[in-house]
Protein backbone atom coordinates (compact mmCIF):
# COMPACT_ATOMS: atom_id res chain seq x y z
CA UNK A 1 20.68 75.53 46.25
CA UNK A 2 21.55 72.55 44.26
CA UNK A 3 20.76 72.78 40.73
CA UNK A 4 18.21 70.42 39.38
CA UNK A 5 18.18 68.04 37.01
CA UNK A 6 16.81 68.00 33.34
CA UNK A 7 14.77 65.38 34.34
CA UNK A 8 13.43 67.34 37.70
CA UNK A 9 13.05 70.38 35.46
CA UNK A 10 10.85 68.86 32.66
CA UNK A 11 8.02 68.37 35.42
CA UNK A 12 8.60 71.71 36.36
CA UNK A 13 8.13 73.47 32.96
CA UNK A 14 5.06 71.30 32.10
CA UNK A 15 3.38 72.06 35.44
CA UNK A 16 3.83 76.01 34.53
CA UNK A 17 2.67 75.54 31.24
CA UNK A 18 -0.68 73.97 32.58
CA UNK A 19 -0.85 76.57 35.23
CA UNK A 20 -0.94 79.04 32.74
CA UNK A 21 -3.40 77.40 30.58
CA UNK A 22 -5.34 77.52 33.92
CA UNK A 23 -4.67 80.57 34.48
CA UNK A 24 -6.13 81.89 31.33
CA UNK A 25 -9.13 79.56 31.52
CA UNK A 26 -9.82 81.30 34.99
CA UNK A 27 -9.47 84.68 33.31
CA UNK A 28 -11.97 83.63 30.82
CA UNK A 29 -14.56 82.09 32.90
CA UNK A 30 -14.02 85.37 34.83
CA UNK A 31 -14.98 87.20 31.86
CA UNK A 32 -18.14 85.21 30.88
CA UNK A 33 -19.08 85.53 33.82
CA UNK A 34 -18.83 89.62 34.32
CA UNK A 35 -19.54 90.48 29.97
CA UNK A 36 -22.64 90.56 28.29
CA UNK A 37 -21.22 88.76 25.44
CA UNK A 38 -18.65 86.11 24.19
CA UNK A 39 -18.11 85.69 20.82
CA UNK A 40 -16.97 82.71 18.99
CA UNK A 41 -13.35 82.81 19.49
CA UNK A 42 -13.63 83.50 23.28
CA UNK A 43 -16.16 80.26 23.65
CA UNK A 44 -13.79 78.48 21.14
CA UNK A 45 -11.09 79.70 23.74
CA UNK A 46 -12.46 78.31 27.09
CA UNK A 47 -13.38 74.84 25.70
CA UNK A 48 -9.47 74.12 24.93
CA UNK A 49 -9.67 74.56 21.14
CA UNK A 50 -11.12 71.26 20.87
CA UNK A 51 -13.66 71.76 18.11
CA UNK A 52 -10.50 72.10 16.14
CA UNK A 53 -8.45 69.56 17.45
CA UNK A 54 -6.36 67.77 15.29
CA UNK A 55 -7.03 70.15 11.90
CA UNK A 56 -4.60 71.99 9.49
CA UNK A 57 -6.55 75.03 9.88
CA UNK A 58 -6.51 78.41 7.60
CA UNK A 59 -8.07 81.53 9.13
CA UNK A 60 -10.36 84.13 7.25
CA UNK A 61 -10.00 86.93 9.40
CA UNK A 62 -9.02 90.87 9.77
CA UNK A 63 -8.19 93.14 12.84
CA UNK A 64 -11.72 92.57 13.91
CA UNK A 65 -11.35 89.07 14.58
CA UNK A 66 -9.91 89.15 18.64
CA UNK A 67 -11.13 87.69 21.94
CA UNK A 68 -12.48 89.70 24.56
CA UNK A 69 -9.07 90.69 25.96
CA UNK A 70 -7.81 91.91 22.38
CA UNK A 71 -6.00 89.16 21.56
CA UNK A 72 -5.67 88.10 17.96
CA UNK A 73 -7.92 85.19 16.66
CA UNK A 74 -4.83 84.18 14.55
CA UNK A 75 -2.34 84.24 17.12
CA UNK A 76 -4.63 82.21 19.55
CA UNK A 77 -5.04 79.41 17.12
CA UNK A 78 -1.00 79.64 16.58
CA UNK A 79 -0.18 78.81 19.47
CA UNK A 80 -3.10 76.34 20.28
CA UNK A 81 -2.47 73.03 21.66
CA UNK A 82 -3.50 70.32 19.32
CA UNK A 83 -4.43 72.01 15.95
CA UNK A 84 -2.18 73.96 13.18
CA UNK A 85 -2.42 76.88 11.42
CA UNK A 86 -0.98 76.96 8.25
CA UNK A 87 -2.33 80.05 6.41
CA UNK A 88 -4.38 83.24 6.48
CA UNK A 89 -6.94 84.64 4.48
CA UNK A 90 -8.12 88.22 3.74
CA UNK A 91 -11.50 89.98 2.63
CA UNK A 92 -11.72 93.54 1.26
CA UNK A 93 -9.75 96.03 2.63
CA UNK A 94 -6.92 93.33 3.81
CA UNK A 95 -6.05 90.70 6.04
CA UNK A 96 -4.69 93.63 8.00
CA UNK A 97 -7.56 96.27 7.45
CA UNK A 98 -5.65 98.93 5.87
CA UNK A 99 -6.84 98.85 2.34
CA UNK A 100 -9.21 101.40 1.15
CA UNK A 101 -12.26 100.15 -0.45
CA UNK A 102 -12.84 98.53 -3.69
CA UNK A 103 -8.87 99.05 -3.62
CA UNK A 104 -7.40 94.98 -4.84
CA UNK A 105 -4.99 93.57 -2.37
CA UNK A 106 -2.52 91.46 -3.55
CA UNK A 107 -1.16 88.17 -1.82
CA UNK A 108 1.59 88.47 1.03
CA UNK A 109 2.86 87.10 3.97
CA UNK A 110 2.01 87.65 7.81
CA UNK A 111 4.91 89.23 8.99
CA UNK A 112 4.48 88.16 12.71
CA UNK A 113 3.86 84.55 12.28
CA UNK A 114 5.79 84.23 8.50
CA UNK A 115 2.49 82.34 7.36
CA UNK A 116 1.41 83.03 4.15
CA UNK A 117 -1.76 85.54 3.49
CA UNK A 118 -3.72 84.57 0.84
CA UNK A 119 -6.37 87.74 -0.56
CA UNK A 120 -9.67 86.78 -1.89
CA UNK A 121 -10.00 90.40 -2.59
CA UNK A 122 -6.76 90.37 -5.02
CA UNK A 123 -6.17 91.37 -8.76
CA UNK A 124 -7.58 88.42 -11.02
CA UNK A 125 -8.94 86.62 -8.30
CA UNK A 126 -12.83 84.95 -8.22
CA UNK A 127 -13.41 86.16 -4.73
CA UNK A 128 -13.26 82.87 -3.17
CA UNK A 129 -10.47 80.58 -1.86
CA UNK A 130 -9.19 78.50 -4.60
CA UNK A 131 -7.86 74.66 -4.56
CA UNK A 132 -4.28 75.81 -4.58
CA UNK A 133 -4.99 78.05 -1.55
CA UNK A 134 -6.56 75.40 0.29
CA UNK A 135 -4.35 72.99 -0.13
CA UNK A 136 -3.07 71.14 3.37
CA UNK A 137 -5.77 73.04 4.45
CA UNK A 138 -8.96 70.47 6.29
CA UNK A 139 -10.91 73.49 8.11
CA UNK A 140 -11.14 77.29 6.89
CA UNK A 141 -12.13 79.09 9.76
CA UNK A 142 -13.75 82.51 9.43
CA UNK A 143 -13.92 85.43 12.25
CA UNK A 144 -14.70 88.79 10.71
CA UNK A 145 -17.00 91.47 12.71
CA UNK A 146 -19.66 92.67 10.33
CA UNK A 147 -22.06 95.48 10.22
CA UNK A 148 -25.38 93.81 9.33
CA UNK A 149 -25.52 95.52 5.84
CA UNK A 150 -26.40 93.76 2.95
CA UNK A 151 -24.13 95.83 0.76
CA UNK A 152 -21.00 95.44 3.22
CA UNK A 153 -18.68 93.07 1.06
CA UNK A 154 -17.46 90.39 4.36
CA UNK A 155 -20.91 88.50 3.90
CA UNK A 156 -20.33 88.11 0.05
CA UNK A 157 -16.87 86.36 0.84
CA UNK A 158 -18.33 84.44 4.00
CA UNK A 159 -20.74 82.72 1.31
CA UNK A 160 -18.11 82.04 -1.87
CA UNK A 161 -15.60 81.07 0.75
CA UNK A 162 -18.46 78.27 2.14
CA UNK A 163 -18.47 77.24 -1.67
CA UNK A 164 -14.75 77.33 -2.38
CA UNK A 165 -14.74 75.02 0.59
CA UNK A 166 -17.38 73.00 -0.75
CA UNK A 167 -15.46 72.27 -3.96
CA UNK A 168 -12.48 71.36 -2.33
CA UNK A 169 -13.74 69.28 0.48
CA UNK A 170 -12.77 71.39 3.13
CA UNK A 171 -14.47 72.02 6.32
CA UNK A 172 -15.97 75.71 7.40
CA UNK A 173 -16.26 77.30 10.60
CA UNK A 174 -17.58 80.23 11.60
CA UNK A 175 -16.90 81.59 15.02
CA UNK A 176 -19.85 83.98 15.52
CA UNK A 177 -20.31 87.74 16.26
CA UNK A 178 -22.74 90.21 17.69
CA UNK A 179 -24.76 91.97 14.38
CA UNK A 180 -24.25 95.12 15.68
CA UNK A 181 -27.66 96.29 14.21
CA UNK A 182 -29.06 93.66 16.35
CA UNK A 183 -30.99 90.36 15.72
CA UNK A 184 -34.53 92.12 15.38
CA UNK A 185 -34.00 94.25 12.74
CA UNK A 186 -35.19 93.60 9.41
CA UNK A 187 -35.73 96.50 7.13
CA UNK A 188 -35.07 97.68 3.47
CA UNK A 189 -35.64 96.18 0.14
CA UNK A 190 -34.71 92.84 -1.21
CA UNK A 191 -32.53 91.78 -3.96
CA UNK A 192 -33.56 91.01 -7.66
CA UNK A 193 -31.37 88.19 -8.60
CA UNK A 194 -30.25 90.40 -11.89
CA UNK A 195 -28.73 92.81 -10.08
CA UNK A 196 -26.25 90.51 -7.73
CA UNK A 197 -23.34 91.36 -7.20
CA UNK A 198 -20.42 92.08 -4.85
CA UNK A 199 -22.40 94.33 -2.78
CA UNK A 200 -25.27 92.29 -3.03
CA UNK A 201 -24.79 88.41 -3.19
CA UNK A 202 -27.24 86.99 -1.15
CA UNK A 203 -31.38 87.43 -1.51
CA UNK A 204 -32.17 89.17 2.07
CA UNK A 205 -33.13 92.67 2.87
CA UNK A 206 -30.69 95.95 3.13
CA UNK A 207 -30.41 95.31 6.99
CA UNK A 208 -30.91 91.35 7.75
CA UNK A 209 -30.90 91.03 11.28
CA UNK A 210 -28.77 87.60 11.45
CA UNK A 211 -25.25 86.85 13.12
CA UNK A 212 -22.66 85.95 10.40
CA UNK A 213 -22.85 82.10 12.21
CA UNK A 214 -26.92 82.44 11.08
CA UNK A 215 -26.27 84.08 7.79
CA UNK A 216 -24.23 81.05 6.97
CA UNK A 217 -26.42 78.74 8.35
CA UNK A 218 -29.21 80.02 5.60
CA UNK A 219 -26.78 80.73 2.43
CA UNK A 220 -26.14 76.40 2.99
CA UNK A 221 -29.82 75.42 3.91
CA UNK A 222 -31.14 77.66 1.11
CA UNK A 223 -28.59 76.50 -1.51
CA UNK A 224 -27.66 79.79 -2.52
CA UNK A 225 -23.93 78.44 -3.12
CA UNK A 226 -23.53 75.65 -5.85
CA UNK A 227 -22.43 72.85 -3.24
CA UNK A 228 -23.39 72.99 0.70
CA UNK A 229 -20.27 72.65 2.64
CA UNK A 230 -19.94 71.26 5.92
CA UNK A 231 -20.48 73.91 8.31
CA UNK A 232 -19.93 74.62 11.85
CA UNK A 233 -20.98 77.35 13.85
CA UNK A 234 -19.22 78.03 17.28
CA UNK A 235 -21.89 80.16 18.71
CA UNK A 236 -21.77 83.40 21.49
CA UNK A 237 -22.45 83.16 24.79
CA UNK A 238 -24.71 85.96 26.50
CA UNK A 239 -26.27 87.52 23.03
CA UNK A 240 -29.60 88.14 22.82
CA UNK A 241 -31.61 89.23 19.56
CA UNK A 242 -32.52 92.86 20.60
CA UNK A 243 -28.86 93.83 21.61
CA UNK A 244 -27.28 96.58 19.41
CA UNK A 245 -23.27 97.14 19.74
CA UNK A 246 -23.37 99.24 22.93
CA UNK A 247 -25.30 96.36 24.51
CA UNK A 248 -22.84 93.46 24.28
CA UNK A 249 -19.70 95.34 26.31
CA UNK A 250 -17.92 94.39 23.43
CA UNK A 251 -15.05 97.02 22.36
CA UNK A 252 -15.21 98.12 18.91
CA UNK A 253 -12.38 97.42 16.26
CA UNK A 254 -12.85 99.59 13.27
CA UNK A 255 -14.34 96.82 10.14
CA UNK A 256 -12.86 98.95 7.87
CA UNK A 257 -11.32 102.72 7.34
CA UNK A 258 -14.91 104.58 7.24
CA UNK A 259 -16.46 102.34 10.05
CA UNK A 260 -14.53 103.63 13.12
CA UNK A 261 -17.14 103.12 16.12
CA UNK A 262 -19.46 100.43 17.08
CA UNK A 263 -22.39 102.70 16.53
CA UNK A 264 -21.14 103.60 12.90
CA UNK A 265 -22.85 100.62 11.15
CA UNK A 266 -26.28 102.19 12.36
CA UNK A 267 -25.45 105.40 10.47
CA UNK A 268 -24.45 103.53 7.70
CA UNK A 269 -27.64 101.78 7.36
CA UNK A 270 -29.52 105.31 7.69
CA UNK A 271 -27.42 107.01 5.28
CA UNK A 272 -25.39 105.25 3.11
CA UNK A 273 -27.52 105.22 0.01
CA UNK A 274 -27.11 108.97 -0.18
CA UNK A 275 -23.77 108.51 -0.96
CA UNK A 276 -24.52 106.51 -4.38
CA UNK A 277 -26.86 109.86 -5.48
CA UNK A 278 -24.41 112.42 -4.50
CA UNK A 279 -24.87 116.10 -3.46
CA UNK A 280 -24.43 115.77 0.25
CA UNK A 281 -21.59 115.50 2.70
CA UNK A 282 -22.19 112.63 5.29
CA UNK A 283 -18.87 113.42 7.22
CA UNK A 284 -17.39 110.30 6.12
CA UNK A 285 -14.17 109.86 7.21
CA UNK A 286 -14.67 111.45 10.33
CA UNK A 287 -15.98 110.86 13.77
CA UNK A 288 -19.10 112.10 12.66
CA UNK A 289 -19.35 109.30 9.46
CA UNK A 290 -22.61 108.94 8.12
CA UNK A 291 -23.93 110.31 11.31
CA UNK A 292 -24.73 113.86 9.64
CA UNK A 293 -26.60 114.90 6.15
CA UNK A 294 -25.16 118.41 5.36
CA UNK A 295 -24.97 120.67 2.17
CA UNK A 296 -23.44 124.63 2.10
CA UNK A 297 -26.96 125.28 0.86
CA UNK A 298 -29.23 123.81 3.23
CA UNK A 299 -30.99 125.58 5.89
CA UNK A 300 -30.08 123.44 9.20
CA UNK A 301 -33.23 124.56 11.28
CA UNK A 302 -36.06 123.79 8.26
CA UNK A 303 -34.17 120.60 7.38
CA UNK A 304 -34.32 119.07 10.75
CA UNK A 305 -37.84 120.13 11.64
CA UNK A 306 -38.67 118.55 8.33
CA UNK A 307 -37.24 115.44 8.99
CA UNK A 308 -38.95 115.31 12.55
CA UNK A 309 -42.14 115.65 11.13
CA UNK A 310 -42.02 112.59 9.64
CA UNK A 311 -42.26 111.02 13.16
CA UNK A 312 -39.76 108.17 12.44
CA UNK A 313 -40.08 106.08 16.13
CA UNK A 314 -36.71 106.11 18.15
CA UNK A 315 -35.04 108.73 15.76
CA UNK A 316 -34.89 112.34 16.27
CA UNK A 317 -32.89 115.02 13.82
CA UNK A 318 -31.18 118.20 15.23
CA UNK A 319 -29.63 121.30 13.52
CA UNK A 320 -25.93 120.94 12.45
CA UNK A 321 -23.16 123.45 11.40
CA UNK A 322 -19.80 122.19 10.72
CA UNK A 323 -17.12 124.70 10.10
CA UNK A 324 -14.85 123.20 7.17
CA UNK A 325 -12.92 126.79 6.82
CA UNK A 326 -9.49 124.81 6.77
CA UNK A 327 -10.31 122.92 4.00
CA UNK A 328 -11.22 124.80 1.17
CA UNK A 329 -12.55 122.29 -1.33
CA UNK A 330 -15.35 121.22 1.45
CA UNK A 331 -16.53 125.02 1.27
CA UNK A 332 -16.81 127.16 4.23
CA UNK A 333 -19.46 125.70 6.17
CA UNK A 334 -22.07 122.99 5.99
CA UNK A 335 -25.18 123.04 7.35
CA UNK A 336 -27.68 120.18 7.80
CA UNK A 337 -29.16 117.70 10.58
CA UNK A 338 -27.35 115.10 12.81
CA UNK A 339 -28.85 111.76 13.57
CA UNK A 340 -29.98 110.64 17.24
CA UNK A 341 -31.11 107.12 17.10
CA UNK A 342 -32.84 106.90 20.69
CA UNK A 343 -34.28 103.05 20.12
CA UNK A 344 -30.82 101.50 18.04
CA UNK A 345 -32.67 98.17 18.44
CA UNK A 346 -35.72 99.06 16.51
CA UNK A 347 -35.88 102.53 14.90
CA UNK A 348 -36.48 102.21 11.34
CA UNK A 349 -33.11 103.51 10.01
CA UNK A 350 -33.19 101.59 6.78
CA UNK A 351 -36.00 104.61 5.64
CA UNK A 352 -33.89 107.97 6.77
CA UNK A 353 -32.09 107.95 3.22
CA UNK A 354 -35.54 108.39 1.75
CA UNK A 355 -37.08 110.35 4.00
CA UNK A 356 -34.02 112.85 3.79
CA UNK A 357 -33.99 113.16 -0.30
CA UNK A 358 -37.70 113.98 0.07
CA UNK A 359 -36.76 116.79 2.86
CA UNK A 360 -34.05 118.30 1.05
CA UNK A 361 -36.25 118.44 -2.09
CA UNK A 362 -38.68 120.38 0.13
CA UNK A 363 -36.63 122.87 2.13
CA UNK A 364 -33.88 123.84 -0.62
CA UNK A 365 -35.50 122.89 -3.92
CA UNK A 366 -32.70 120.90 -4.74
CA UNK A 367 -33.65 117.31 -6.60
CA UNK A 368 -30.62 115.79 -5.94
CA UNK A 369 -31.97 112.69 -7.94
CA UNK A 370 -32.99 114.61 -11.17
CA UNK A 371 -29.76 116.40 -10.51
CA UNK A 372 -27.95 113.03 -10.91
CA UNK A 373 -29.60 111.77 -13.80
CA UNK A 374 -28.69 115.18 -15.60
CA UNK A 375 -25.25 114.92 -14.98
CA UNK A 376 -25.09 112.13 -16.57
CA UNK A 377 -24.34 109.75 -13.25
CA UNK A 378 -24.18 106.03 -13.27
CA UNK A 379 -26.71 104.12 -11.42
CA UNK A 380 -24.67 100.78 -12.06
CA UNK A 381 -23.82 100.84 -8.42
CA UNK A 382 -26.88 102.46 -6.59
CA UNK A 383 -28.91 99.45 -8.28
CA UNK A 384 -26.52 96.86 -6.90
CA UNK A 385 -26.51 98.64 -3.36
CA UNK A 386 -30.28 98.70 -3.31
CA UNK A 387 -30.69 95.59 -4.62
CA UNK A 388 -32.92 96.15 -7.73
CA UNK A 389 -33.85 99.17 -10.40
CA UNK A 390 -37.19 99.91 -8.52
CA UNK A 391 -36.36 102.28 -6.08
CA UNK A 392 -34.26 104.11 -8.84
CA UNK A 393 -37.52 104.03 -11.13
CA UNK A 394 -39.49 105.19 -8.03
CA UNK A 395 -37.30 107.82 -7.23
CA UNK A 396 -37.57 109.22 -10.83
CA UNK A 397 -41.47 108.83 -11.05
CA UNK A 398 -41.45 111.13 -7.77
CA UNK A 399 -42.66 108.89 -5.88
CA UNK A 400 -43.15 109.18 -1.85
CA UNK A 401 -40.63 107.98 0.23
CA UNK A 402 -43.54 106.74 2.80
CA UNK A 403 -44.64 104.48 -0.49
CA UNK A 404 -41.22 103.23 -0.69
CA UNK A 405 -40.80 102.40 2.36
CA UNK A 406 -44.48 100.96 2.13
CA UNK A 407 -43.06 98.41 -0.65
CA UNK A 408 -40.76 96.74 1.27
CA UNK A 409 -42.79 95.21 3.90
CA UNK A 410 -44.09 91.88 1.73
CA UNK A 411 -40.38 91.25 1.31
CA UNK A 412 -39.39 92.16 5.11
CA UNK A 413 -42.11 89.76 6.44
CA UNK A 414 -41.55 86.74 3.49
CA UNK A 415 -37.86 87.26 5.01
CA UNK A 416 -38.73 86.98 8.51
CA UNK A 417 -40.43 83.74 8.20
CA UNK A 418 -37.94 82.18 5.82
CA UNK A 419 -34.85 82.83 8.48
CA UNK A 420 -36.59 81.19 11.28
CA UNK A 421 -35.27 77.71 11.07
CA UNK A 422 -31.47 79.20 10.82
CA UNK A 423 -31.90 81.29 14.33
CA UNK A 424 -29.32 80.31 16.95
CA UNK A 425 -30.48 82.85 19.09
CA UNK A 426 -33.99 82.97 20.38
CA UNK A 427 -35.72 86.23 21.24
CA UNK A 428 -36.68 85.27 24.61
CA UNK A 429 -34.98 82.04 26.27
CA UNK A 430 -31.92 81.03 27.93
CA UNK A 431 -29.23 80.77 24.78
CA UNK A 432 -27.53 77.92 23.41
CA UNK A 433 -23.70 77.84 23.42
CA UNK A 434 -23.57 75.85 19.98
CA UNK A 435 -25.50 76.08 17.25
CA UNK A 436 -28.38 73.86 16.92
CA UNK A 437 -27.52 70.60 14.69
CA UNK A 438 -29.44 71.91 11.83
CA UNK A 439 -26.52 74.12 11.33
CA UNK A 440 -23.93 71.24 9.75
CA UNK A 441 -24.54 69.93 6.44
CA UNK A 442 -22.12 67.21 6.60
CA UNK A 443 -19.51 66.57 4.35
CA UNK A 444 -18.89 62.95 2.86
CA UNK A 445 -15.09 63.72 2.74
CA UNK A 446 -14.74 64.21 6.26
CA UNK A 447 -16.50 63.27 9.74
CA UNK A 448 -18.37 66.21 11.40
CA UNK A 449 -16.44 68.64 13.16
CA UNK A 450 -17.14 68.65 17.16
CA UNK A 451 -18.83 71.65 18.34
CA UNK A 452 -17.86 73.70 21.31
CA UNK A 453 -19.78 72.76 24.59
């Protein structure tokens, strides 16, 4: 066979590259046909990245930023034609997702790409991108899987990054992802502005029922940041509001070290507040993290019976005994209840912590709140997580769990109404493949970013 000349090889190489792209698009089309949900990155990819063509991109992400095939978003953007990925950004736990909660992460370099990684949870940083970090970037892309809880700090970073981009004249694009608690759930206490913090940055209920893209639209539209940014949302395909994580068909990648499975966010919302009081073991750091409520001195059967007597719809409690003989510091055994959520989209999960406190006292005589006060426990983080001092005051007065929970209703109802105009995915009807035009607040410094179609 005669060797091919360089001129004859070039068209062949181009044809091969084009063929590879067609195969990739065919795979994505097959995924779209057979899968329940396509996240924003898959929609962007299936549209040939046209929404980002000609842009110099920064990417705010972590290991949860992948397409349905598991390919990292940073790699897809790095290899995409017609755009240039120039920097990476990380939130709490770092761009690589390895840092423990509350551990500050320094800036660094991504070894695989050679790109700089700027930490938005680093020492001396204001938790938002600075002009130095954004230099040479015209669009910052956000792709992080969240848990749906207000106290989970990724949504704080989301809005503060939008604010930093607005100040620098940089476009902001959200590659949307599911809310693992579902989009129908709005539960829990609101946020008093006096208690605004990094674990409670936005005035939303504890479980707010929005996707990251919808929340970004609300942050922008409600003026919760100093300057509105030019915002665009690449919406998912196939997601419905009553879907929790198991309904999406997506593979869960731990959003942080203590959230190992797609069901963990449901239990985090149910029991996470108990961790701010102390006295109970929630098995965090294990596959049962947040799914059990235990202590060495609890009677498992009576505790589970007492919780079941609360008749929380869609939630059951089973007695559980955990053997920790191999770890003497935890005691020989832990006893309590395992939570079983039978109606994931509608069960009143945020109520569980407050009924559990009441049940512990009734069954064992341990008033965990009073004991924490007597130990001199700081309530700073508890107030920040619950959004005000009202819950702490109510517990101190011995208020019933049902009354504490009922006090949330006005906040929940008002928020449901307020969020309506920012919703991308209706409860029933054909879902859009792109965010409605109201999602964008155009910047005078840049033309509108094209949306995925």
